Amino acid sequence: MLCRRRFATQELLRISRDGDGALRTGERGGRGVWICSGSHEVGLHAGIRQGLRGPVSDEEADVIDQARRAWIETTSERRGA
């Protein structure tokens, strides 16, 4: 987990790689990491690469960034922020 704190799974975004090597966001299973909305951009991709135990392409990094931003907006709206 890249947050270094405990959270309920509803407060975390799952990034994983399935058996075919495809990157998945928001799904369980496969090799992956959990990130929280407070995860800093600096070092985030390095932490994801480490958690996935492999490279993350620029295209995959873009997908992760877009999913993370959308997820942060959604969780902020649910909290009423």
Protein backbone atom coordinates (compact mmCIF):
# COMPACT_ATOMS: atom_id res chain seq x y z
CA MET A 1 0.00 0.00 0.00
CA LEU A 2 1.43 3.35 -0.96
CA CYS A 3 -0.32 5.33 1.80
CA ARG A 4 1.54 3.91 4.77
CA ARG A 5 -1.71 4.10 6.79
CA ARG A 6 -4.71 1.83 7.26
CA PHE A 7 -7.90 2.56 5.35
CA ALA A 8 -11.06 0.65 4.52
CA THR A 9 -10.90 -0.78 1.00
CA GLN A 10 -13.68 1.63 -0.05
CA GLU A 11 -11.22 4.47 0.58
CA LEU A 12 -8.49 2.97 -1.62
CA LEU A 13 -7.97 2.56 -5.34
CA ARG A 14 -6.69 -0.80 -6.52
CA ILE A 15 -4.17 -0.93 -9.38
CA SER A 16 -3.34 -4.46 -10.53
CA ARG A 17 -2.00 -6.50 -13.40
CA ASP A 18 -3.90 -9.63 -14.38
CA GLY A 19 -2.42 -12.94 -15.55
CA ASP A 20 -2.30 -11.70 -19.15
CA GLY A 21 -0.31 -8.64 -18.12
CA ALA A 22 -3.17 -6.16 -18.65
CA LEU A 23 -3.34 -3.25 -16.22
CA ARG A 24 -6.58 -3.00 -14.23
CA THR A 25 -7.89 -0.23 -11.99
CA GLY A 26 -10.53 -0.72 -9.35
CA GLU A 27 -10.51 -4.49 -9.56
CA ARG A 28 -9.16 -7.10 -7.21
CA GLY A 29 -6.98 -10.00 -8.16
CA GLY A 30 -3.60 -10.30 -9.72
CA ARG A 31 -0.40 -8.60 -8.60
CA GLY A 32 -1.23 -5.08 -7.43
CA VAL A 33 -1.12 -2.13 -5.09
CA TRP A 34 -3.65 -0.06 -3.18
CA ILE A 35 -3.33 3.73 -3.28
CA CYS A 36 -5.13 6.38 -1.26
CA SER A 37 -6.23 9.85 -2.29
CA GLY A 38 -3.37 11.30 -0.25
CA SER A 39 -0.69 9.46 -2.22
CA HIS A 40 1.74 12.05 -3.52
CA GLU A 41 2.42 12.22 -7.23
CA VAL A 42 6.15 12.23 -6.56
CA GLY A 43 7.25 8.63 -6.32
CA LEU A 44 3.77 7.26 -7.07
CA HIS A 45 4.76 5.59 -10.33
CA ALA A 46 7.92 4.17 -8.78
CA GLY A 47 5.82 2.72 -5.96
CA ILE A 48 3.36 1.23 -8.44
CA ARG A 49 6.20 -0.31 -10.47
CA GLN A 50 7.60 -1.80 -7.29
CA GLY A 51 4.21 -3.13 -6.21
CA LEU A 52 3.51 -4.62 -9.62
CA ARG A 53 7.08 -5.94 -9.73
CA GLY A 54 7.62 -4.77 -13.26
CA PRO A 55 7.70 -1.88 -15.68
CA VAL A 56 4.80 0.51 -16.24
CA SER A 57 4.65 2.05 -19.72
CA ASP A 58 3.96 5.74 -20.28
CA GLU A 59 0.50 4.84 -21.62
CA GLU A 60 -0.24 2.77 -18.50
CA ALA A 61 1.01 5.62 -16.29
CA ASP A 62 -1.45 7.94 -18.07
CA VAL A 63 -4.30 5.48 -17.47
CA ILE A 64 -3.33 5.25 -13.80
CA ASP A 65 -3.21 9.06 -13.47
CA GLN A 66 -6.62 9.47 -15.12
CA ALA A 67 -8.18 6.74 -12.98
CA ARG A 68 -6.65 8.22 -9.84
CA ARG A 69 -7.93 11.74 -10.59
CA ALA A 70 -11.43 10.46 -11.39
CA TRP A 71 -11.42 8.33 -8.25
CA ILE A 72 -10.28 11.28 -6.07
CA GLU A 73 -13.11 13.44 -7.49
CA THR A 74 -15.65 10.70 -6.80
CA THR A 75 -14.48 10.11 -3.24
CA SER A 76 -14.40 13.87 -2.55
CA GLU A 77 -17.98 14.21 -3.78
CA ARG A 78 -19.11 11.32 -1.55
CA ARG A 79 -17.48 12.95 1.46
CA GLY A 80 -19.12 16.27 0.61
CA ALA A 81 -15.83 18.11 0.17
